[in-house]
């Protein structure tokens, strides 16, 4: 069963990206919907996961009991973790 993907928290992050990068990120996140835990790693210090997409990262909250993936944040790897810390604190 494929997990449902909720882009709402990261909608503005995704919209601000260049079209080619945006398309690549959307495609990559969609491709893990069947078995998301195979393709992600834990984010140190947070109950979240990261998906590597070239130089970009998608920060995800994976709800196994509800079969859902919530895209929390998308950004360049050089800035995404600082932005995560800012939003979470």
Protein backbone atom coordinates (compact mmCIF):
# COMPACT_ATOMS: atom_id res chain seq x y z
CA UNK A 1 0.00 0.00 0.00
CA UNK A 2 1.40 3.37 -0.99
CA UNK A 3 1.77 6.06 1.63
CA UNK A 4 -0.15 9.30 1.11
CA UNK A 5 2.10 12.35 0.67
CA UNK A 6 1.18 15.66 2.32
CA UNK A 7 3.13 18.59 0.85
CA UNK A 8 1.30 21.35 2.77
CA UNK A 9 4.02 22.24 5.33
CA UNK A 10 6.68 22.54 2.59
CA UNK A 11 4.51 24.03 -0.16
CA UNK A 12 6.26 27.44 -0.15
CA UNK A 13 9.71 25.81 -0.01
CA UNK A 14 8.90 23.76 -3.11
CA UNK A 15 7.34 26.69 -4.99
CA UNK A 16 10.46 28.79 -4.46
CA UNK A 17 12.71 26.29 -6.26
CA UNK A 18 13.68 26.40 -9.91
CA UNK A 19 11.24 24.35 -12.05
CA UNK A 20 13.76 21.60 -12.90
CA UNK A 21 14.77 21.09 -9.28
CA UNK A 22 11.14 21.25 -8.14
CA UNK A 23 10.16 18.53 -10.59
CA UNK A 24 13.07 16.32 -9.53
CA UNK A 25 12.17 16.64 -5.84
CA UNK A 26 8.48 15.93 -6.40
CA UNK A 27 9.34 12.88 -8.50
CA UNK A 28 11.83 11.54 -5.94
CA UNK A 29 9.49 11.93 -2.97
CA UNK A 30 6.71 10.27 -4.96
CA UNK A 31 8.98 7.37 -5.85
CA UNK A 32 9.45 6.34 -2.20
CA UNK A 33 5.71 6.14 -1.42
CA UNK A 34 5.60 2.32 -1.51
CA UNK A 35 8.46 1.71 0.96
CA UNK A 36 9.64 5.03 2.38
CA UNK A 37 11.81 3.66 5.19
CA UNK A 38 14.10 1.96 2.68
CA UNK A 39 15.25 5.26 1.22
CA UNK A 40 15.51 7.67 4.14
CA UNK A 41 17.80 8.28 7.10
CA UNK A 42 16.99 9.70 10.52
CA UNK A 43 17.71 13.37 11.17
CA UNK A 44 19.99 13.53 14.19
CA UNK A 45 18.27 15.17 17.14
CA UNK A 46 14.76 15.12 15.63
CA UNK A 47 12.05 12.46 15.23
CA UNK A 48 12.16 13.07 11.46
CA UNK A 49 13.75 11.61 8.35
CA UNK A 50 15.78 13.05 5.48
CA UNK A 51 15.68 12.09 1.83
CA UNK A 52 18.71 13.00 -0.25
CA UNK A 53 17.97 14.46 -3.67
CA UNK A 54 21.31 15.55 -5.08
CA UNK A 55 22.33 18.73 -3.23
CA UNK A 56 18.82 19.09 -1.80
CA UNK A 57 17.14 17.47 1.16
CA UNK A 58 13.51 16.75 1.93
CA UNK A 59 12.79 16.55 5.65
CA UNK A 60 9.95 14.11 6.23
CA UNK A 61 7.72 12.93 9.04
CA UNK A 62 6.72 9.35 8.26
CA UNK A 63 3.59 8.13 10.02
CA UNK A 64 3.60 4.36 9.69
CA UNK A 65 0.31 3.84 11.53
CA UNK A 66 -1.51 6.23 9.18
CA UNK A 67 0.53 5.34 6.06
CA UNK A 68 1.43 8.98 5.53
CA UNK A 69 4.47 11.01 4.57
CA UNK A 70 4.43 14.65 5.63
CA UNK A 71 6.98 16.80 3.82
CA UNK A 72 8.10 19.24 6.51
CA UNK A 73 10.82 21.14 4.70
CA UNK A 74 12.71 21.13 1.39
CA UNK A 75 15.93 22.99 0.77
CA UNK A 76 19.57 23.02 -0.22
CA UNK A 77 21.71 20.85 2.03
CA UNK A 78 23.79 23.85 3.11
CA UNK A 79 20.77 25.58 4.66
CA UNK A 80 18.05 23.02 5.31
CA UNK A 81 19.22 21.93 8.78
CA UNK A 82 19.54 25.50 10.05
CA UNK A 83 16.03 26.18 8.76
CA UNK A 84 14.76 23.01 10.45
CA UNK A 85 16.25 24.12 13.77
CA UNK A 86 14.69 27.58 13.35
CA UNK A 87 11.23 26.16 12.62
CA UNK A 88 11.31 23.54 15.37
CA UNK A 89 12.43 25.85 18.18
